[in-house]
Amino acid sequence: MRIGLSPATISPYVVRAIGERAARRYFHTGERFGAEEALRLGLLHRVCAPEALDAAVEKTLGELLAGGPQAHRAIKDLIRTVARGGPVSDALSEETARRIAEIRVSPEGREGIASFLEKRKPAWLAPKGPGVP
């Protein structure tokens, strides 16, 4: 904008991320903003002081690693499907019900439910032997 160009290439991603109203403001003004505004706009999930960055990364990694690998894969696909699906419809409700039923009966789903009921860590968090990933 300030150099006579529009942010056309990034616009689909930015508008989807921050919404049309905020995109209008920032695309037209070209103003810069800091981490707090990026957080408010939904471009960031968390803001922390530089000295707290390592601890914040470790916390997030721990949370991610606590989930089942197949569940993470299914969640990524679910989000893509739901985000593209438009308004909630009978077809979307049926699709999401199918997905939860499918993952519940998978080996990982059964292990996750059993570990929860038995108050133990799931197998994907079990300590591995030396040299075993």
N, C-alpha and C. Protein backbone atom coordinates (compact mmCIF):
# COMPACT_ATOMS: atom_id res chain seq x y z
N MET A 1 0.83 -1.18 0.00
CA MET A 1 0.00 0.00 0.00
C MET A 1 0.88 1.24 0.00
N ARG A 2 1.83 1.30 0.90
CA ARG A 2 2.68 2.49 1.00
C ARG A 2 3.63 2.61 -0.19
N ILE A 3 3.83 1.52 -0.90
CA ILE A 3 4.69 1.59 -2.10
C ILE A 3 3.88 1.38 -3.37
N GLY A 4 2.57 1.57 -3.26
CA GLY A 4 1.72 1.49 -4.43
C GLY A 4 1.30 0.09 -4.82
N LEU A 5 1.41 -0.87 -3.91
CA LEU A 5 1.02 -2.25 -4.19
C LEU A 5 -0.05 -2.70 -3.20
N SER A 6 -0.76 -3.74 -3.58
CA SER A 6 -1.71 -4.33 -2.64
C SER A 6 -1.15 -5.68 -2.17
N PRO A 7 -1.58 -6.14 -1.00
CA PRO A 7 -1.08 -7.43 -0.49
C PRO A 7 -1.83 -8.62 -1.09
N ALA A 8 -1.96 -8.64 -2.39
CA ALA A 8 -2.78 -9.63 -3.07
C ALA A 8 -2.34 -11.07 -2.81
N THR A 9 -1.06 -11.32 -2.85
CA THR A 9 -0.57 -12.69 -2.73
C THR A 9 -0.89 -13.30 -1.37
N ILE A 10 -0.73 -12.51 -0.32
CA ILE A 10 -0.98 -13.03 1.03
C ILE A 10 -2.42 -12.85 1.49
N SER A 11 -3.20 -12.10 0.72
CA SER A 11 -4.55 -11.75 1.17
C SER A 11 -5.45 -12.93 1.53
N PRO A 12 -5.49 -14.03 0.77
CA PRO A 12 -6.38 -15.12 1.18
C PRO A 12 -6.04 -15.67 2.57
N TYR A 13 -4.76 -15.71 2.87
CA TYR A 13 -4.33 -16.27 4.15
C TYR A 13 -4.57 -15.28 5.29
N VAL A 14 -4.26 -14.02 5.05
CA VAL A 14 -4.40 -13.01 6.09
C VAL A 14 -5.88 -12.75 6.38
N VAL A 15 -6.70 -12.62 5.36
CA VAL A 15 -8.13 -12.38 5.58
C VAL A 15 -8.74 -13.54 6.34
N ARG A 16 -8.37 -14.76 5.97
CA ARG A 16 -8.88 -15.94 6.67
C ARG A 16 -8.43 -15.93 8.14
N ALA A 17 -7.22 -15.48 8.38
CA ALA A 17 -6.66 -15.50 9.74
C ALA A 17 -7.21 -14.39 10.62
N ILE A 18 -7.33 -13.16 10.10
CA ILE A 18 -7.70 -12.04 10.96
C ILE A 18 -9.09 -11.48 10.68
N GLY A 19 -9.72 -11.92 9.62
CA GLY A 19 -11.06 -11.45 9.30
C GLY A 19 -11.05 -10.24 8.37
N GLU A 20 -12.18 -10.03 7.76
CA GLU A 20 -12.31 -8.97 6.75
C GLU A 20 -12.13 -7.58 7.36
N ARG A 21 -12.72 -7.33 8.52
CA ARG A 21 -12.67 -6.00 9.11
C ARG A 21 -11.23 -5.59 9.44
N ALA A 22 -10.50 -6.47 10.13
CA ALA A 22 -9.11 -6.14 10.47
C ALA A 22 -8.25 -6.05 9.21
N ALA A 23 -8.51 -6.91 8.24
CA ALA A 23 -7.75 -6.85 6.99
C ALA A 23 -7.96 -5.51 6.30
N ARG A 24 -9.19 -5.01 6.30
CA ARG A 24 -9.44 -3.69 5.69
C ARG A 24 -8.54 -2.64 6.35
N ARG A 25 -8.52 -2.65 7.67
CA ARG A 25 -7.72 -1.66 8.39
C ARG A 25 -6.24 -1.77 8.03
N TYR A 26 -5.68 -2.95 8.21
CA TYR A 26 -4.24 -3.09 8.05
C TYR A 26 -3.80 -3.08 6.59
N PHE A 27 -4.62 -3.55 5.69
CA PHE A 27 -4.26 -3.50 4.27
C PHE A 27 -4.23 -2.03 3.80
N HIS A 28 -5.22 -1.23 4.25
CA HIS A 28 -5.29 0.17 3.80
C HIS A 28 -4.26 1.05 4.50
N THR A 29 -4.05 0.85 5.79
CA THR A 29 -3.13 1.74 6.50
C THR A 29 -1.68 1.31 6.37
N GLY A 30 -1.44 0.02 6.21
CA GLY A 30 -0.07 -0.47 6.16
C GLY A 30 0.64 -0.33 7.50
N GLU A 31 -0.13 -0.05 8.54
CA GLU A 31 0.50 0.17 9.85
C GLU A 31 1.10 -1.12 10.41
N ARG A 32 2.13 -0.96 11.18
CA ARG A 32 2.79 -2.09 11.82
C ARG A 32 2.17 -2.31 13.19
N PHE A 33 2.25 -3.55 13.65
CA PHE A 33 1.75 -3.84 15.00
C PHE A 33 2.65 -4.85 15.67
N GLY A 34 2.58 -4.86 16.98
CA GLY A 34 3.43 -5.72 17.78
C GLY A 34 2.76 -7.03 18.16
N ALA A 35 3.42 -7.73 19.06
CA ALA A 35 2.99 -9.07 19.46
C ALA A 35 1.62 -9.07 20.12
N GLU A 36 1.34 -8.07 20.96
CA GLU A 36 0.04 -8.03 21.66
C GLU A 36 -1.12 -7.90 20.67
N GLU A 37 -0.96 -7.06 19.66
CA GLU A 37 -2.00 -6.90 18.64
C GLU A 37 -2.11 -8.16 17.79
N ALA A 38 -0.97 -8.78 17.47
CA ALA A 38 -0.99 -10.04 16.71
C ALA A 38 -1.73 -11.12 17.51
N LEU A 39 -1.54 -11.13 18.81
CA LEU A 39 -2.26 -12.07 19.67
C LEU A 39 -3.76 -11.78 19.63
N ARG A 40 -4.13 -10.52 19.77
CA ARG A 40 -5.54 -10.12 19.73
C ARG A 40 -6.20 -10.49 18.41
N LEU A 41 -5.45 -10.38 17.32
CA LEU A 41 -5.98 -10.69 15.99
C LEU A 41 -6.04 -12.19 15.71
N GLY A 42 -5.41 -12.98 16.56
CA GLY A 42 -5.41 -14.42 16.35
C GLY A 42 -4.26 -14.93 15.50
N LEU A 43 -3.27 -14.08 15.25
CA LEU A 43 -2.11 -14.52 14.49
C LEU A 43 -1.12 -15.29 15.37
N LEU A 44 -1.20 -15.07 16.67
CA LEU A 44 -0.35 -15.77 17.64
C LEU A 44 -1.24 -16.47 18.65
N HIS A 45 -0.72 -17.53 19.23
CA HIS A 45 -1.45 -18.24 20.28
C HIS A 45 -1.03 -17.79 21.67
N ARG A 46 0.21 -17.32 21.77
CA ARG A 46 0.75 -16.96 23.08
C ARG A 46 1.86 -15.94 22.89
N VAL A 47 1.98 -15.05 23.86
CA VAL A 47 3.07 -14.09 23.89
C VAL A 47 3.78 -14.28 25.22
N CYS A 48 5.09 -14.28 25.21
CA CYS A 48 5.85 -14.40 26.46
C CYS A 48 7.12 -13.58 26.36
N ALA A 49 7.69 -13.32 27.52
CA ALA A 49 8.96 -12.59 27.57
C ALA A 49 10.05 -13.47 26.97
N PRO A 50 11.07 -12.86 26.39
CA PRO A 50 12.15 -13.66 25.78
C PRO A 50 12.75 -14.68 26.73
N GLU A 51 12.90 -14.32 27.98
CA GLU A 51 13.51 -15.26 28.93
C GLU A 51 12.58 -16.42 29.29
N ALA A 52 11.30 -16.31 28.96
CA ALA A 52 10.35 -17.39 29.23
C ALA A 52 10.06 -18.24 27.99
N LEU A 53 10.71 -17.91 26.88
CA LEU A 53 10.41 -18.59 25.61
C LEU A 53 10.70 -20.09 25.67
N ASP A 54 11.85 -20.49 26.17
CA ASP A 54 12.19 -21.91 26.21
C ASP A 54 11.17 -22.70 27.03
N ALA A 55 10.77 -22.16 28.17
CA ALA A 55 9.78 -22.85 29.02
C ALA A 55 8.43 -22.94 28.30
N ALA A 56 8.03 -21.88 27.60
CA ALA A 56 6.76 -21.89 26.88
C ALA A 56 6.78 -22.92 25.75
N VAL A 57 7.90 -22.99 25.04
CA VAL A 57 8.04 -23.98 23.96
C VAL A 57 7.98 -25.39 24.54
N GLU A 58 8.70 -25.64 25.62
CA GLU A 58 8.69 -26.96 26.26
C GLU A 58 7.29 -27.34 26.73
N LYS A 59 6.55 -26.39 27.28
CA LYS A 59 5.18 -26.67 27.74
C LYS A 59 4.30 -27.07 26.56
N THR A 60 4.37 -26.31 25.48
CA THR A 60 3.55 -26.62 24.31
C THR A 60 3.95 -27.96 23.70
N LEU A 61 5.25 -28.22 23.61
CA LEU A 61 5.70 -29.51 23.08
C LEU A 61 5.20 -30.66 23.94
N GLY A 62 5.26 -30.50 25.25
CA GLY A 62 4.75 -31.53 26.14
C GLY A 62 3.27 -31.80 25.93
N GLU A 63 2.50 -30.73 25.75
CA GLU A 63 1.07 -30.88 25.49
C GLU A 63 0.82 -31.60 24.17
N LEU A 64 1.58 -31.25 23.15
CA LEU A 64 1.42 -31.89 21.84
C LEU A 64 1.82 -33.37 21.90
N LEU A 65 2.93 -33.66 22.56
CA LEU A 65 3.41 -35.03 22.63
C LEU A 65 2.51 -35.93 23.47
N ALA A 66 1.68 -35.34 24.33
CA ALA A 66 0.77 -36.14 25.15
C ALA A 66 -0.36 -36.73 24.33
N GLY A 67 -0.63 -36.18 23.15
CA GLY A 67 -1.71 -36.68 22.30
C GLY A 67 -1.27 -37.85 21.45
N GLY A 68 -2.22 -38.65 21.06
CA GLY A 68 -1.93 -39.80 20.20
C GLY A 68 -1.56 -39.37 18.80
N PRO A 69 -0.57 -40.00 18.19
CA PRO A 69 -0.14 -39.63 16.84
C PRO A 69 -1.25 -39.71 15.79
N GLN A 70 -2.04 -40.78 15.81
CA GLN A 70 -3.13 -40.90 14.84
C GLN A 70 -4.21 -39.85 15.11
N ALA A 71 -4.43 -39.55 16.39
CA ALA A 71 -5.41 -38.52 16.73
C ALA A 71 -4.98 -37.17 16.18
N HIS A 72 -3.69 -36.84 16.29
CA HIS A 72 -3.20 -35.58 15.73
C HIS A 72 -3.46 -35.52 14.22
N ARG A 73 -3.18 -36.60 13.53
CA ARG A 73 -3.41 -36.66 12.09
C ARG A 73 -4.91 -36.45 11.79
N ALA A 74 -5.75 -37.15 12.54
CA ALA A 74 -7.20 -37.04 12.33
C ALA A 74 -7.70 -35.63 12.63
N ILE A 75 -7.15 -35.00 13.65
CA ILE A 75 -7.56 -33.64 14.01
C ILE A 75 -7.22 -32.66 12.91
N LYS A 76 -6.02 -32.76 12.33
CA LYS A 76 -5.64 -31.87 11.23
C LYS A 76 -6.62 -31.99 10.08
N ASP A 77 -6.96 -33.22 9.72
CA ASP A 77 -7.91 -33.44 8.63
C ASP A 77 -9.30 -32.94 9.00
N LEU A 78 -9.72 -33.17 10.25
CA LEU A 78 -11.02 -32.70 10.72
C LEU A 78 -11.13 -31.19 10.61
N ILE A 79 -10.11 -30.48 11.05
CA ILE A 79 -10.15 -29.01 11.00
C ILE A 79 -10.25 -28.53 9.56
N ARG A 80 -9.49 -29.12 8.65
CA ARG A 80 -9.58 -28.73 7.24
C ARG A 80 -10.99 -28.96 6.71
N THR A 81 -11.58 -30.11 7.04
CA THR A 81 -12.92 -30.44 6.56
C THR A 81 -13.97 -29.49 7.12
N VAL A 82 -13.93 -29.26 8.43
CA VAL A 82 -14.93 -28.41 9.07
C VAL A 82 -14.77 -26.96 8.61
N ALA A 83 -13.54 -26.48 8.46
CA ALA A 83 -13.31 -25.11 8.05
C ALA A 83 -13.84 -24.85 6.64
N ARG A 84 -13.79 -25.84 5.78
CA ARG A 84 -14.28 -25.69 4.40
C ARG A 84 -15.76 -26.00 4.26
N GLY A 85 -16.35 -26.57 5.31
CA GLY A 85 -17.70 -27.08 5.22
C GLY A 85 -18.82 -26.07 5.27
N GLY A 86 -18.52 -24.80 5.52
CA GLY A 86 -19.57 -23.80 5.61
C GLY A 86 -20.37 -23.98 6.89
N PRO A 87 -21.64 -23.58 6.86
CA PRO A 87 -22.46 -23.68 8.08
C PRO A 87 -22.69 -25.14 8.48
N VAL A 88 -23.00 -25.32 9.76
CA VAL A 88 -23.27 -26.66 10.26
C VAL A 88 -24.52 -27.19 9.56
N SER A 89 -24.39 -28.39 9.02
CA SER A 89 -25.50 -29.00 8.29
C SER A 89 -25.64 -30.44 8.77
N ASP A 90 -26.70 -31.10 8.32
CA ASP A 90 -26.88 -32.51 8.66
C ASP A 90 -25.71 -33.34 8.12
N ALA A 91 -25.26 -33.01 6.93
CA ALA A 91 -24.14 -33.75 6.33
C ALA A 91 -22.86 -33.58 7.15
N LEU A 92 -22.60 -32.37 7.61
CA LEU A 92 -21.41 -32.13 8.41
C LEU A 92 -21.53 -32.84 9.76
N SER A 93 -22.70 -32.80 10.36
CA SER A 93 -22.92 -33.50 11.64
C SER A 93 -22.71 -35.00 11.47
N GLU A 94 -23.21 -35.55 10.38
CA GLU A 94 -23.02 -36.98 10.11
C GLU A 94 -21.54 -37.30 9.91
N GLU A 95 -20.83 -36.43 9.21
CA GLU A 95 -19.41 -36.64 8.97
C GLU A 95 -18.62 -36.62 10.28
N THR A 96 -18.90 -35.66 11.14
CA THR A 96 -18.17 -35.58 12.40
C THR A 96 -18.52 -36.76 13.31
N ALA A 97 -19.76 -37.21 13.30
CA ALA A 97 -20.15 -38.39 14.09
C ALA A 97 -19.43 -39.63 13.57
N ARG A 98 -19.32 -39.75 12.24
CA ARG A 98 -18.61 -40.88 11.65
C ARG A 98 -17.15 -40.88 12.09
N ARG A 99 -16.55 -39.70 12.09
CA ARG A 99 -15.14 -39.59 12.45
C ARG A 99 -14.88 -39.99 13.90
N ILE A 100 -15.72 -39.53 14.83
CA ILE A 100 -15.48 -39.88 16.23
C ILE A 100 -15.70 -41.37 16.46
N ALA A 101 -16.71 -41.93 15.80
CA ALA A 101 -16.95 -43.37 15.94
C ALA A 101 -15.77 -44.17 15.40
N GLU A 102 -15.23 -43.72 14.29
CA GLU A 102 -14.10 -44.41 13.67
C GLU A 102 -12.86 -44.37 14.56
N ILE A 103 -12.56 -43.22 15.13
CA ILE A 103 -11.35 -43.11 15.94
C ILE A 103 -11.52 -43.79 17.30
N ARG A 104 -12.74 -43.84 17.82
CA ARG A 104 -12.97 -44.51 19.11
C ARG A 104 -12.66 -46.00 19.05
N VAL A 105 -12.91 -46.62 17.91
CA VAL A 105 -12.69 -48.06 17.80
C VAL A 105 -11.30 -48.40 17.25
N SER A 106 -10.50 -47.37 16.92
CA SER A 106 -9.15 -47.63 16.44
C SER A 106 -8.30 -48.12 17.61
N PRO A 107 -7.20 -48.81 17.33
CA PRO A 107 -6.33 -49.25 18.43
C PRO A 107 -5.88 -48.09 19.32
N GLU A 108 -5.54 -46.97 18.71
CA GLU A 108 -5.10 -45.83 19.51
C GLU A 108 -6.26 -45.27 20.35
N GLY A 109 -7.43 -45.17 19.77
CA GLY A 109 -8.59 -44.69 20.51
C GLY A 109 -8.93 -45.60 21.68
N ARG A 110 -8.90 -46.90 21.45
CA ARG A 110 -9.19 -47.85 22.54
C ARG A 110 -8.13 -47.74 23.64
N GLU A 111 -6.87 -47.60 23.26
CA GLU A 111 -5.79 -47.44 24.23
C GLU A 111 -5.96 -46.15 25.03
N GLY A 112 -6.31 -45.08 24.36
CA GLY A 112 -6.51 -43.80 25.05
C GLY A 112 -7.63 -43.86 26.07
N ILE A 113 -8.75 -44.46 25.69
CA ILE A 113 -9.89 -44.59 26.61
C ILE A 113 -9.52 -45.51 27.77
N ALA A 114 -8.88 -46.64 27.48
CA ALA A 114 -8.49 -47.58 28.54
C ALA A 114 -7.52 -46.93 29.50
N SER A 115 -6.54 -46.20 29.00
CA SER A 115 -5.56 -45.57 29.88
C SER A 115 -6.22 -44.51 30.77
N PHE A 116 -7.18 -43.80 30.23
CA PHE A 116 -7.91 -42.82 31.02
C PHE A 116 -8.69 -43.50 32.14
N LEU A 117 -9.43 -44.55 31.79
CA LEU A 117 -10.24 -45.26 32.80
C LEU A 117 -9.37 -45.95 33.84
N GLU A 118 -8.21 -46.41 33.41
CA GLU A 118 -7.29 -47.10 34.33
C GLU A 118 -6.32 -46.14 35.03
N LYS A 119 -6.49 -44.86 34.77
CA LYS A 119 -5.65 -43.82 35.39
C LYS A 119 -4.15 -44.09 35.19
N ARG A 120 -3.78 -44.35 33.95
CA ARG A 120 -2.38 -44.57 33.61
C ARG A 120 -2.07 -43.81 32.33
N LYS A 121 -0.80 -43.70 32.02
CA LYS A 121 -0.41 -43.03 30.78
C LYS A 121 -0.68 -43.96 29.60
N PRO A 122 -1.07 -43.40 28.46
CA PRO A 122 -1.28 -44.25 27.28
C PRO A 122 0.04 -44.80 26.74
N ALA A 123 -0.06 -45.83 25.96
CA ALA A 123 1.13 -46.52 25.43
C ALA A 123 2.05 -45.58 24.66
N TRP A 124 1.50 -44.58 23.96
CA TRP A 124 2.38 -43.73 23.18
C TRP A 124 3.23 -42.84 24.07
N LEU A 125 2.95 -42.80 25.37
CA LEU A 125 3.79 -42.04 26.31
C LEU A 125 4.69 -42.96 27.14
N ALA A 126 4.55 -44.26 26.93
CA ALA A 126 5.36 -45.22 27.70
C ALA A 126 6.83 -45.03 27.37
N PRO A 127 7.69 -45.17 28.39
CA PRO A 127 9.12 -45.05 28.11
C PRO A 127 9.58 -46.10 27.11
N LYS A 128 10.41 -45.71 26.21
CA LYS A 128 10.95 -46.61 25.19
C LYS A 128 12.33 -47.06 25.64
N GLY A 129 12.74 -48.17 25.13
CA GLY A 129 14.08 -48.68 25.44
C GLY A 129 15.16 -47.85 24.77
N PRO A 130 16.41 -48.07 25.12
CA PRO A 130 17.52 -47.32 24.51
C PRO A 130 17.53 -47.49 22.99
N GLY A 131 17.67 -46.38 22.32
CA GLY A 131 17.76 -46.42 20.86
C GLY A 131 16.43 -46.63 20.16
N VAL A 132 15.32 -46.72 20.90
CA VAL A 132 14.00 -46.91 20.29
C VAL A 132 13.33 -45.55 20.22
N PRO A 133 12.89 -45.12 19.03
CA PRO A 133 12.27 -43.78 18.91
C PRO A 133 10.91 -43.73 19.58
